[in-house]
């Protein structure tokens, strides 16, 4: 590790690296990071898995009698799928205001109780109006989940650790898909007076409600209130994100100037556009998955099982690209472009189903499974490249308005008159993902230009693994996790290092590509 003294325009003055980060400190820091991981990550992973299961079990329920029992006709099912995101859209911005102001763990637990109750109540629906009401309320309840998990991740982890950790908890999506498919398959064999689809919502609703208690009692609101750490460990955990993260998130206030800075930032709109284009395909395939598979000649029960390999591939794509993005600081945008290449091919194959065997069409469906990996890469890019709590939370709100818009539009591309081929939908998926590849390249080019400009203006290279210059101008060359430990042990932070400052105004800040 090298620590450099830097002042605007003064170039680099090499300092001497100390030997404070010795073997004992390194081993202690590794143990502590493992303790943080084992407390935080299982809770985030499980929460995201339930979030995915609760909103996508609708797809399995649709082939087990939900459409018939609730008298859905024409485009009713498409609107039932989309209305979830109207509720999500409505609450996306207000919830980001609350996340940074309220005890975050308790707020997450409260929302989990609410969303579990709404899922269970879905089983009582017997009409289109009832179903569309509970789906809207579910969207409101779940709107807080992803922004809260992002806030918690950037609170506890460094810029190099954020992509991998985001990939871990986002993989809960895909694992949740596997569990929900197995659950639907098992419940699909139940015979009785209560329809199978109603049991799906009852079981998941109760399980989600119970998860709320785990979050309430096990997840700390802040680093300073983490009872599973000692006072010295809490200080260390806080200092490492000040040095190598995106700054402290405690005791901050909403700053309008940071919100306007976010809106003026070109990378904001590039990321927003990519997120929108990624989510239009997701919104359709997520809710019409089982209907598409049954159109290949499989039964309702078989369609639930065939979603398992899809989810396994998605899990590997999300966790694998998350690890690569954390390991290589210039790979994030490249990975966004790469993960959507298979879905372009897959949608083309499904669109040609009339001239190819069903087995090839099913292979094309499996190729769509890497597409969801694009969103967690964007989430980690936002967490790593935005400093300033208000600026970051504004960007998160905008990201999820794009998420909602895409998921509202997506199901509408699945036109009921085109069932079961849905030609318009798969042409739209191919176009959206092709545009993602182009915009990801533009975003990477822009971030690279900004880094070079800042390097010239500030007179030194800087580092995309740190939060910028700290301790009166020291710029730490973070190359690995152990160097973070050395920096925490070696650098004496000043009060101004804990201030809530944006990436634009942070001397020495460099963007991950």
Protein backbone atom coordinates (compact mmCIF):
# COMPACT_ATOMS: atom_id res chain seq x y z
CA UNK A 1 0.00 0.00 0.00
CA UNK A 2 1.18 3.49 -0.82
CA UNK A 3 -0.07 6.62 0.90
CA UNK A 4 0.34 9.81 -1.07
CA UNK A 5 0.11 13.39 0.10
CA UNK A 6 -1.89 15.34 -2.48
CA UNK A 7 -2.95 18.95 -2.84
CA UNK A 8 -4.76 20.43 -5.85
CA UNK A 9 -2.35 20.82 -8.74
CA UNK A 10 0.68 19.78 -6.67
CA UNK A 11 1.27 16.33 -8.11
CA UNK A 12 2.30 13.39 -5.89
CA UNK A 13 4.63 13.37 -2.93
CA UNK A 14 5.48 9.83 -1.88
CA UNK A 15 5.06 9.01 1.79
CA UNK A 16 6.38 6.04 3.65
CA UNK A 17 4.15 3.04 4.18
CA UNK A 18 4.20 1.92 7.79
CA UNK A 19 4.31 -1.57 9.18
CA UNK A 20 1.31 -1.14 11.42
CA UNK A 21 -0.82 -3.47 9.32
CA UNK A 22 1.04 -6.55 10.55
CA UNK A 23 -0.06 -10.18 10.52
CA UNK A 24 -2.07 -9.86 13.74
CA UNK A 25 -3.96 -6.83 12.46
CA UNK A 26 -4.56 -8.50 9.09
CA UNK A 27 -5.95 -11.67 10.64
CA UNK A 28 -8.10 -9.70 13.07
CA UNK A 29 -9.50 -7.58 10.22
CA UNK A 30 -10.33 -10.67 8.17
CA UNK A 31 -12.14 -12.22 11.11
CA UNK A 32 -14.07 -9.05 11.71
CA UNK A 33 -15.09 -8.71 8.07
CA UNK A 34 -16.29 -12.32 8.15
CA UNK A 35 -18.37 -11.51 11.24
CA UNK A 36 -19.93 -8.55 9.47
CA UNK A 37 -20.61 -10.70 6.40
CA UNK A 38 -22.22 -13.50 8.40
CA UNK A 39 -24.48 -11.09 10.23
CA UNK A 40 -25.47 -8.78 7.36
CA UNK A 41 -25.42 -10.82 4.14
CA UNK A 42 -27.74 -13.75 5.11
CA UNK A 43 -30.40 -11.26 6.19
CA UNK A 44 -30.12 -9.23 2.99
CA UNK A 45 -30.01 -12.36 0.82
CA UNK A 46 -33.09 -13.89 2.46
CA UNK A 47 -35.01 -10.62 2.28
CA UNK A 48 -34.34 -10.25 -1.43
CA UNK A 49 -35.21 -13.90 -2.07
CA UNK A 50 -38.61 -13.44 -0.40
CA UNK A 51 -39.12 -10.16 -2.23
CA UNK A 52 -38.67 -11.94 -5.56
CA UNK A 53 -40.79 -14.94 -4.62
CA UNK A 54 -43.68 -12.85 -3.36
CA UNK A 55 -44.00 -10.77 -6.50
CA UNK A 56 -43.31 -13.53 -9.07
CA UNK A 57 -45.38 -16.34 -7.55
CA UNK A 58 -48.13 -14.71 -9.63
CA UNK A 59 -46.64 -16.41 -12.71
CA UNK A 60 -47.03 -19.87 -11.14
CA UNK A 61 -50.45 -19.01 -9.73
CA UNK A 62 -51.60 -18.05 -13.24
CA UNK A 63 -51.27 -21.65 -14.47
CA UNK A 64 -52.93 -23.09 -11.36
CA UNK A 65 -56.31 -21.42 -11.73
CA UNK A 66 -55.80 -17.80 -10.60
CA UNK A 67 -56.98 -16.33 -13.90
CA UNK A 68 -60.13 -18.46 -13.89
CA UNK A 69 -60.98 -17.99 -10.20
CA UNK A 70 -60.61 -14.21 -10.37
CA UNK A 71 -62.35 -13.98 -13.75
CA UNK A 72 -59.49 -12.31 -15.62
CA UNK A 73 -60.13 -11.63 -19.29
CA UNK A 74 -58.18 -10.10 -22.19
CA UNK A 75 -55.39 -7.86 -20.90
CA UNK A 76 -56.51 -8.11 -17.24
CA UNK A 77 -53.59 -10.38 -16.31
CA UNK A 78 -51.09 -8.00 -17.93
CA UNK A 79 -52.47 -5.15 -15.81
CA UNK A 80 -52.39 -7.27 -12.65
CA UNK A 81 -48.71 -7.82 -13.42
CA UNK A 82 -48.05 -4.15 -14.13
CA UNK A 83 -50.02 -2.53 -11.29
CA UNK A 84 -47.47 -3.80 -8.75
CA UNK A 85 -45.01 -1.35 -10.28
CA UNK A 86 -47.46 1.56 -10.12
CA UNK A 87 -47.47 1.14 -6.36
CA UNK A 88 -43.71 0.73 -6.37
CA UNK A 89 -43.31 3.87 -8.51
CA UNK A 90 -45.55 5.89 -6.19
CA UNK A 91 -43.45 5.07 -3.11
CA UNK A 92 -39.97 4.90 -4.72
CA UNK A 93 -38.99 8.50 -3.99
CA UNK A 94 -40.69 9.02 -0.58
CA UNK A 95 -39.06 5.85 0.74
CA UNK A 96 -35.54 7.11 -0.09
CA UNK A 97 -36.27 10.18 2.04
CA UNK A 98 -37.27 7.96 4.95
CA UNK A 99 -34.42 5.44 4.63
CA UNK A 100 -31.75 8.04 5.36
CA UNK A 101 -33.74 9.58 8.22
CA UNK A 102 -35.26 6.62 10.10
CA UNK A 103 -33.59 3.64 11.83
CA UNK A 104 -33.01 1.64 8.68
CA UNK A 105 -33.32 -1.90 10.11
CA UNK A 106 -36.57 -1.13 11.91
CA UNK A 107 -37.94 0.55 8.79
CA UNK A 108 -37.07 -2.53 6.72
CA UNK A 109 -38.70 -4.82 9.30
CA UNK A 110 -41.90 -2.72 9.33
CA UNK A 111 -42.14 -2.90 5.54
CA UNK A 112 -41.55 -6.66 5.65
CA UNK A 113 -44.46 -7.13 8.07
CA UNK A 114 -46.69 -5.08 5.75
CA UNK A 115 -45.66 -6.88 2.60
CA UNK A 116 -46.09 -10.33 4.20
CA UNK A 117 -49.61 -9.43 5.27
CA UNK A 118 -50.50 -8.21 1.78
CA UNK A 119 -49.16 -11.41 0.16
CA UNK A 120 -51.25 -13.57 2.49
CA UNK A 121 -54.35 -11.46 1.80
CA UNK A 122 -53.96 -12.09 -1.94
CA UNK A 123 -55.32 -15.60 -1.29
CA UNK A 124 -58.68 -14.04 -0.40
CA UNK A 125 -59.13 -12.37 -3.80
CA UNK A 126 -61.99 -13.53 -6.01
CA UNK A 127 -62.19 -10.71 -8.56
CA UNK A 128 -60.06 -8.57 -10.83
CA UNK A 129 -60.63 -5.49 -8.68
CA UNK A 130 -59.52 -7.26 -5.50
CA UNK A 131 -56.45 -8.72 -7.15
CA UNK A 132 -55.36 -5.44 -8.68
CA UNK A 133 -55.78 -3.68 -5.31
CA UNK A 134 -53.56 -6.07 -3.34
CA UNK A 135 -50.93 -6.09 -6.10
CA UNK A 136 -50.79 -2.28 -5.96
CA UNK A 137 -50.37 -2.39 -2.17
CA UNK A 138 -47.68 -5.05 -2.53
CA UNK A 139 -45.78 -2.68 -4.82
CA UNK A 140 -45.95 0.07 -2.18
CA UNK A 141 -44.75 -2.32 0.54
CA UNK A 142 -41.85 -3.73 -1.50
CA UNK A 143 -40.67 -0.35 -2.85
CA UNK A 144 -38.45 0.08 0.20
CA UNK A 145 -36.62 -3.26 -0.07
CA UNK A 146 -34.02 -2.67 -2.80
CA UNK A 147 -33.16 0.94 -1.82
CA UNK A 148 -32.78 -0.12 1.81
CA UNK A 149 -30.49 -3.03 0.92
CA UNK A 150 -28.37 -0.70 -1.22
CA UNK A 151 -28.15 1.82 1.63
CA UNK A 152 -27.09 -0.90 4.09
CA UNK A 153 -24.48 -2.28 1.67
CA UNK A 154 -22.85 1.10 1.08
CA UNK A 155 -22.96 1.73 4.85
CA UNK A 156 -20.93 -1.37 5.73
CA UNK A 157 -18.67 -2.09 2.74
CA UNK A 158 -15.86 -0.52 0.70
CA UNK A 159 -16.03 0.31 -3.00
CA UNK A 160 -14.17 -2.89 -3.91
CA UNK A 161 -16.48 -4.99 -1.73
CA UNK A 162 -19.80 -3.48 -2.82
CA UNK A 163 -20.17 -5.23 -6.24
CA UNK A 164 -19.53 -8.69 -4.79
CA UNK A 165 -21.85 -8.16 -1.82
CA UNK A 166 -24.55 -6.69 -4.07
CA UNK A 167 -24.20 -9.75 -6.31
CA UNK A 168 -24.61 -12.01 -3.28
CA UNK A 169 -27.85 -10.51 -1.99
CA UNK A 170 -29.23 -9.93 -5.48
CA UNK A 171 -28.65 -13.64 -6.21
CA UNK A 172 -31.46 -14.13 -3.72
CA UNK A 173 -33.69 -13.24 -6.69
CA UNK A 174 -32.64 -16.32 -8.59
CA UNK A 175 -32.50 -18.62 -5.57
CA UNK A 176 -35.94 -17.34 -4.70
CA UNK A 177 -37.00 -18.36 -8.20
CA UNK A 178 -35.79 -21.91 -7.55
CA UNK A 179 -37.55 -22.10 -4.18
CA UNK A 180 -40.79 -20.65 -5.51
CA UNK A 181 -40.77 -23.12 -8.43
CA UNK A 182 -40.29 -26.05 -6.04
CA UNK A 183 -42.94 -24.61 -3.73
CA UNK A 184 -45.39 -24.20 -6.60
CA UNK A 185 -44.65 -27.73 -7.81
CA UNK A 186 -45.30 -29.17 -4.35
CA UNK A 187 -48.41 -27.13 -3.68
CA UNK A 188 -49.63 -27.93 -7.19
CA UNK A 189 -50.23 -31.51 -6.02
CA UNK A 190 -52.53 -30.43 -3.18
CA UNK A 191 -56.14 -31.42 -3.70
CA UNK A 192 -58.81 -29.81 -1.57
CA UNK A 193 -61.45 -27.12 -1.29
CA UNK A 194 -58.81 -24.35 -1.29
CA UNK A 195 -57.21 -23.79 -4.70
CA UNK A 196 -53.50 -24.48 -5.07
CA UNK A 197 -52.75 -20.88 -6.08
CA UNK A 198 -54.32 -19.60 -2.86
CA UNK A 199 -52.07 -21.87 -0.78
CA UNK A 200 -49.04 -20.41 -2.60
CA UNK A 201 -49.86 -16.91 -1.35
CA UNK A 202 -50.81 -18.08 2.17
CA UNK A 203 -47.54 -19.98 2.71
CA UNK A 204 -45.31 -17.21 1.33
CA UNK A 205 -47.21 -14.47 3.18
CA UNK A 206 -46.79 -16.14 6.56
CA UNK A 207 -43.10 -16.90 5.92
CA UNK A 208 -42.44 -13.28 4.91
CA UNK A 209 -44.17 -11.95 8.02
CA UNK A 210 -41.94 -14.15 10.20
CA UNK A 211 -38.85 -12.83 8.36
CA UNK A 212 -39.76 -9.38 9.67
CA UNK A 213 -38.97 -10.51 13.23
CA UNK A 214 -35.49 -11.69 12.20
CA UNK A 215 -34.78 -8.30 10.64
CA UNK A 216 -36.14 -6.44 13.67
CA UNK A 217 -33.96 -8.27 16.21
CA UNK A 218 -30.82 -9.19 14.23
CA UNK A 219 -30.11 -6.35 11.77
CA UNK A 220 -28.39 -3.27 13.27
CA UNK A 221 -29.60 0.19 12.25
CA UNK A 222 -26.08 1.61 11.97
CA UNK A 223 -22.46 0.58 12.49
CA UNK A 224 -22.34 2.51 15.77
CA UNK A 225 -25.33 0.50 17.08
CA UNK A 226 -24.05 -2.93 16.02
CA UNK A 227 -24.12 -4.83 19.32
CA UNK A 228 -22.37 -7.85 17.82
CA UNK A 229 -19.20 -5.71 17.55
CA UNK A 230 -17.08 -4.16 20.29
CA UNK A 231 -16.60 -0.39 20.44
CA UNK A 232 -13.14 -0.72 18.86
CA UNK A 233 -14.52 -2.93 16.10
CA UNK A 234 -17.32 -0.47 15.39
CA UNK A 235 -14.75 2.34 15.05
CA UNK A 236 -12.69 0.22 12.66
CA UNK A 237 -15.74 -0.75 10.60
CA UNK A 238 -16.76 2.91 10.32
CA UNK A 239 -13.29 4.20 9.41
CA UNK A 240 -12.78 1.67 6.63
CA UNK A 241 -15.82 2.95 4.68
CA UNK A 242 -14.67 6.54 5.18
CA UNK A 243 -11.26 5.66 3.69
CA UNK A 244 -12.21 3.09 1.04
CA UNK A 245 -16.00 3.35 0.74
CA UNK A 246 -18.28 6.23 -0.19
CA UNK A 247 -18.37 7.91 3.18
CA UNK A 248 -20.34 7.66 6.40
CA UNK A 249 -24.15 7.43 6.19
CA UNK A 250 -24.98 8.23 9.83
CA UNK A 251 -26.34 11.56 11.11
CA UNK A 252 -26.88 13.07 7.68
CA UNK A 253 -29.52 15.55 6.52
CA UNK A 254 -31.30 15.95 3.20
CA UNK A 255 -29.45 18.49 1.05
CA UNK A 256 -31.26 19.99 -1.94
CA UNK A 257 -27.98 20.98 -3.63
CA UNK A 258 -26.97 17.31 -3.74
CA UNK A 259 -30.31 16.39 -5.31
CA UNK A 260 -29.84 19.01 -8.06
CA UNK A 261 -26.27 17.85 -8.60
CA UNK A 262 -27.57 14.33 -9.19
CA UNK A 263 -30.04 15.60 -11.78
CA UNK A 264 -27.26 17.54 -13.57
CA UNK A 265 -24.87 14.58 -13.64
CA UNK A 266 -24.69 12.97 -17.13
CA UNK A 267 -23.94 9.53 -15.68
CA UNK A 268 -27.28 9.69 -13.86
CA UNK A 269 -29.24 9.71 -17.09
CA UNK A 270 -27.08 7.10 -18.79
CA UNK A 271 -27.56 4.70 -15.87
CA UNK A 272 -31.28 5.55 -15.73
CA UNK A 273 -31.70 4.76 -19.45
CA UNK A 274 -29.82 1.47 -19.18
CA UNK A 275 -31.92 0.43 -16.18
CA UNK A 276 -35.13 1.22 -18.07
CA UNK A 277 -34.07 -0.82 -21.09
CA UNK A 278 -32.99 -3.74 -18.89
CA UNK A 279 -36.29 -3.82 -17.04
CA UNK A 280 -38.70 -3.74 -20.00
CA UNK A 281 -37.70 -7.33 -20.91
CA UNK A 282 -37.62 -8.34 -17.24
CA UNK A 283 -41.13 -7.09 -16.58
CA UNK A 284 -42.59 -9.32 -19.26
CA UNK A 285 -40.58 -12.52 -18.86
CA UNK A 286 -40.90 -12.42 -15.06
CA UNK A 287 -44.71 -12.56 -15.16
CA UNK A 288 -45.25 -14.56 -18.35
CA UNK A 289 -42.50 -17.15 -17.83
CA UNK A 290 -44.77 -20.10 -17.09
CA UNK A 291 -47.20 -19.16 -19.85
CA UNK A 292 -44.34 -19.01 -22.36
CA UNK A 293 -43.00 -22.42 -21.27
CA UNK A 294 -46.43 -24.07 -21.49
CA UNK A 295 -46.65 -22.72 -25.04
CA UNK A 296 -43.69 -24.98 -25.88
CA UNK A 297 -45.91 -27.99 -25.14
CA UNK A 298 -45.20 -28.54 -21.43
CA UNK A 299 -47.77 -28.98 -18.65
CA UNK A 300 -48.35 -26.51 -15.81
CA UNK A 301 -46.40 -28.67 -13.34
CA UNK A 302 -43.54 -29.14 -15.82
CA UNK A 303 -43.36 -25.40 -16.43
CA UNK A 304 -42.67 -24.76 -12.74
CA UNK A 305 -39.77 -27.23 -12.77
CA UNK A 306 -38.31 -25.88 -16.02
CA UNK A 307 -37.90 -22.51 -14.33
CA UNK A 308 -35.32 -24.06 -11.98
CA UNK A 309 -32.44 -24.31 -14.52
CA UNK A 310 -33.32 -20.76 -15.62
CA UNK A 311 -32.88 -19.59 -12.02
CA UNK A 312 -29.65 -21.55 -11.58
CA UNK A 313 -28.12 -19.87 -14.64
CA UNK A 314 -29.31 -16.48 -13.40
CA UNK A 315 -27.76 -17.12 -9.96
CA UNK A 316 -24.41 -17.98 -11.54
CA UNK A 317 -24.56 -14.90 -13.79
CA UNK A 318 -25.44 -12.50 -10.96
CA UNK A 319 -22.92 -13.80 -8.42
CA UNK A 320 -20.17 -14.35 -11.01
CA UNK A 321 -20.40 -10.90 -12.58
CA UNK A 322 -20.67 -9.35 -9.11
CA UNK A 323 -17.37 -10.96 -8.13
CA UNK A 324 -15.69 -9.85 -11.37
CA UNK A 325 -16.94 -6.27 -10.96
CA UNK A 326 -15.52 -6.19 -7.45
CA UNK A 327 -12.22 -7.73 -8.50
CA UNK A 328 -11.64 -5.55 -11.57
CA UNK A 329 -12.49 -1.85 -11.26
CA UNK A 330 -12.74 -1.27 -15.03
CA UNK A 331 -15.08 -4.18 -15.84
CA UNK A 332 -18.49 -3.04 -14.62
CA UNK A 333 -19.82 -1.43 -17.81
CA UNK A 334 -18.28 -4.17 -19.96
CA UNK A 335 -20.08 -6.80 -17.91
CA UNK A 336 -23.40 -4.96 -18.29
CA UNK A 337 -23.00 -5.25 -22.06
CA UNK A 338 -21.87 -8.87 -21.99
CA UNK A 339 -24.70 -10.26 -19.83
CA UNK A 340 -27.37 -9.04 -22.26
CA UNK A 341 -25.80 -10.66 -25.36
CA UNK A 342 -27.30 -14.13 -24.67
CA UNK A 343 -30.82 -12.67 -24.22
CA UNK A 344 -30.52 -10.96 -27.62
CA UNK A 345 -29.82 -14.37 -29.17
CA UNK A 346 -32.46 -16.07 -27.04
CA UNK A 347 -35.24 -13.65 -27.96
CA UNK A 348 -34.34 -14.06 -31.64
CA UNK A 349 -34.66 -17.86 -31.29
CA UNK A 350 -38.03 -17.66 -29.53
CA UNK A 351 -39.23 -15.19 -32.15
CA UNK A 352 -38.42 -17.81 -34.79
CA UNK A 353 -40.24 -20.64 -32.99
CA UNK A 354 -42.48 -21.39 -35.97
CA UNK A 355 -39.48 -22.62 -38.00
CA UNK A 356 -37.44 -24.33 -35.24
CA UNK A 357 -38.09 -27.25 -32.84
CA UNK A 358 -39.58 -26.53 -29.40
CA UNK A 359 -36.34 -27.73 -27.80
CA UNK A 360 -34.41 -24.93 -29.51
CA UNK A 361 -37.05 -22.39 -28.41
CA UNK A 362 -36.65 -23.64 -24.83
CA UNK A 363 -32.88 -23.20 -25.16
CA UNK A 364 -33.57 -19.63 -26.30
CA UNK A 365 -35.69 -19.12 -23.18
CA UNK A 366 -32.79 -20.26 -20.99
CA UNK A 367 -30.52 -17.74 -22.74
CA UNK A 368 -32.77 -14.97 -21.41
CA UNK A 369 -31.68 -15.90 -17.88
CA UNK A 370 -28.46 -13.84 -17.90
CA UNK A 371 -30.34 -10.59 -18.55
CA UNK A 372 -31.32 -9.99 -14.90
CA UNK A 373 -27.59 -9.76 -14.00
CA UNK A 374 -27.53 -6.31 -15.60
CA UNK A 375 -29.50 -4.65 -12.79
CA UNK A 376 -27.23 -5.64 -9.85
CA UNK A 377 -24.24 -4.41 -11.86
CA UNK A 378 -25.99 -1.05 -12.20
CA UNK A 379 -26.86 -1.06 -8.49
CA UNK A 380 -23.22 -1.63 -7.54
CA UNK A 381 -22.14 1.08 -9.98
CA UNK A 382 -24.47 3.56 -8.26
CA UNK A 383 -23.32 2.52 -4.78
CA UNK A 384 -19.63 2.79 -5.74
CA UNK A 385 -19.70 5.89 -7.95
CA UNK A 386 -21.99 8.23 -6.02
CA UNK A 387 -20.87 10.06 -2.89
CA UNK A 388 -23.15 12.20 -0.73
CA UNK A 389 -26.13 10.55 0.96
CA UNK A 390 -28.74 12.79 -0.69
CA UNK A 391 -27.16 12.48 -4.12
CA UNK A 392 -26.91 8.71 -3.82
CA UNK A 393 -30.46 8.28 -2.51
CA UNK A 394 -31.80 10.55 -5.27
CA UNK A 395 -30.06 8.37 -7.83
CA UNK A 396 -31.42 5.23 -6.18
CA UNK A 397 -34.94 6.69 -6.36
CA UNK A 398 -34.45 7.51 -10.04
CA UNK A 399 -33.02 4.06 -10.71
CA UNK A 400 -36.11 2.44 -9.29
CA UNK A 401 -38.48 4.74 -11.15
CA UNK A 402 -36.78 3.39 -14.28
CA UNK A 403 -37.15 -0.10 -12.82
CA UNK A 404 -40.87 0.46 -12.30
CA UNK A 405 -41.45 2.05 -15.70
CA UNK A 406 -39.73 -0.84 -17.45
CA UNK A 407 -41.70 -3.41 -15.50
CA UNK A 408 -44.96 -1.58 -16.24
CA UNK A 409 -44.25 -1.44 -19.96
CA UNK A 410 -42.85 -4.97 -20.23
CA UNK A 411 -46.06 -6.98 -19.60
CA UNK A 412 -47.94 -4.77 -22.06
CA UNK A 413 -45.70 -6.06 -24.84
CA UNK A 414 -47.19 -9.51 -24.21
CA UNK A 415 -50.36 -8.89 -26.19
CA UNK A 416 -53.13 -11.39 -25.38
CA UNK A 417 -54.17 -11.60 -29.04
CA UNK A 418 -50.68 -12.94 -29.87
CA UNK A 419 -50.79 -15.72 -27.25
CA UNK A 420 -48.95 -18.10 -27.16
CA UNK A 421 -46.17 -16.79 -29.46
CA UNK A 422 -46.06 -13.16 -28.22
CA UNK A 423 -44.10 -12.04 -31.28
CA UNK A 424 -44.15 -8.32 -30.39
CA UNK A 425 -42.77 -9.02 -26.92
CA UNK A 426 -39.71 -10.94 -28.08
CA UNK A 427 -38.91 -8.43 -30.81
CA UNK A 428 -39.09 -5.72 -28.16
CA UNK A 429 -36.77 -7.68 -25.84
CA UNK A 430 -34.20 -8.02 -28.61
CA UNK A 431 -34.27 -4.27 -29.36
CA UNK A 432 -34.05 -3.23 -25.68
CA UNK A 433 -31.04 -5.39 -24.91
CA UNK A 434 -29.27 -4.28 -28.09
CA UNK A 435 -29.63 -0.66 -26.97
CA UNK A 436 -28.26 -1.60 -23.52
CA UNK A 437 -25.02 -2.78 -25.14
CA UNK A 438 -24.62 0.56 -26.92
CA UNK A 439 -25.39 2.71 -23.85
CA UNK A 440 -23.09 0.67 -21.59
CA UNK A 441 -20.24 1.46 -24.00
CA UNK A 442 -21.15 5.18 -23.93
CA UNK A 443 -21.26 5.19 -20.10
CA UNK A 444 -17.83 3.58 -19.83
CA UNK A 445 -16.36 6.06 -22.31
CA UNK A 446 -17.85 8.99 -20.37
CA UNK A 447 -16.56 7.80 -16.97
CA UNK A 448 -13.11 7.21 -18.42
CA UNK A 449 -13.01 10.76 -19.85
CA UNK A 450 -14.07 12.22 -16.48
CA UNK A 451 -11.35 10.26 -14.67
CA UNK A 452 -8.69 11.53 -17.08
CA UNK A 453 -9.91 15.12 -16.74
CA UNK A 454 -9.84 14.95 -12.94
CA UNK A 455 -6.39 13.37 -13.04
CA UNK A 456 -5.08 16.29 -15.11
CA UNK A 457 -6.79 18.94 -12.97
CA UNK A 458 -5.69 17.47 -9.63
CA UNK A 459 -2.19 16.48 -10.68
CA UNK A 460 -2.17 12.82 -9.62
CA UNK A 461 -3.63 9.54 -10.84
CA UNK A 462 -6.01 8.76 -7.98
CA UNK A 463 -7.67 5.47 -7.22
CA UNK A 464 -11.14 3.99 -7.85
CA UNK A 465 -10.86 1.87 -4.72
CA UNK A 466 -10.89 4.73 -2.21
CA UNK A 467 -13.28 7.48 -1.17
CA UNK A 468 -10.83 10.18 -2.31
CA UNK A 469 -8.26 12.18 -0.38
CA UNK A 470 -8.56 11.92 3.42
CA UNK A 471 -6.64 13.01 6.52
CA UNK A 472 -5.66 16.38 5.08
CA UNK A 473 -4.78 15.22 1.57
CA UNK A 474 -3.63 11.59 1.87
CA UNK A 475 -4.65 9.46 -1.11
CA UNK A 476 -4.46 5.75 -0.38
CA UNK A 477 -3.54 3.30 -3.12
CA UNK A 478 -5.89 0.49 -2.19
CA UNK A 479 -4.98 -2.68 -4.08
CA UNK A 480 -6.57 -5.31 -1.88
CA UNK A 481 -8.56 -5.83 1.30
CA UNK A 482 -5.44 -6.00 3.47
CA UNK A 483 -4.42 -2.54 2.31
CA UNK A 484 -7.68 -1.19 3.70
CA UNK A 485 -6.62 -2.61 7.06
CA UNK A 486 -3.23 -0.92 6.81
CA UNK A 487 -4.87 2.37 5.90
CA UNK A 488 -7.28 2.22 8.86
CA UNK A 489 -4.38 1.47 11.21
CA UNK A 490 -2.03 4.04 9.70
CA UNK A 491 -4.18 7.08 8.89
CA UNK A 492 -5.57 9.41 11.53
CA UNK A 493 -8.85 10.69 10.12
CA UNK A 494 -9.98 14.26 10.68
CA UNK A 495 -13.51 15.47 11.48
CA UNK A 496 -13.96 16.79 7.93
CA UNK A 497 -13.39 13.28 6.54
CA UNK A 498 -16.73 12.25 8.04
CA UNK A 499 -18.62 15.05 6.29
CA UNK A 500 -21.35 14.31 3.76
CA UNK A 501 -19.71 15.42 0.47
CA UNK A 502 -20.58 14.40 -3.11
CA UNK A 503 -18.28 12.70 -5.61
CA UNK A 504 -18.08 15.91 -7.68
CA UNK A 505 -16.69 17.79 -4.67
CA UNK A 506 -14.41 15.06 -3.31
CA UNK A 507 -10.76 15.65 -4.15
CA UNK A 508 -9.09 12.49 -5.45
CA UNK A 509 -12.32 10.59 -6.21
CA UNK A 510 -12.16 8.35 -9.30
CA UNK A 511 -15.01 6.44 -10.93
CA UNK A 512 -15.21 2.70 -11.43
CA UNK A 513 -15.70 1.82 -15.07
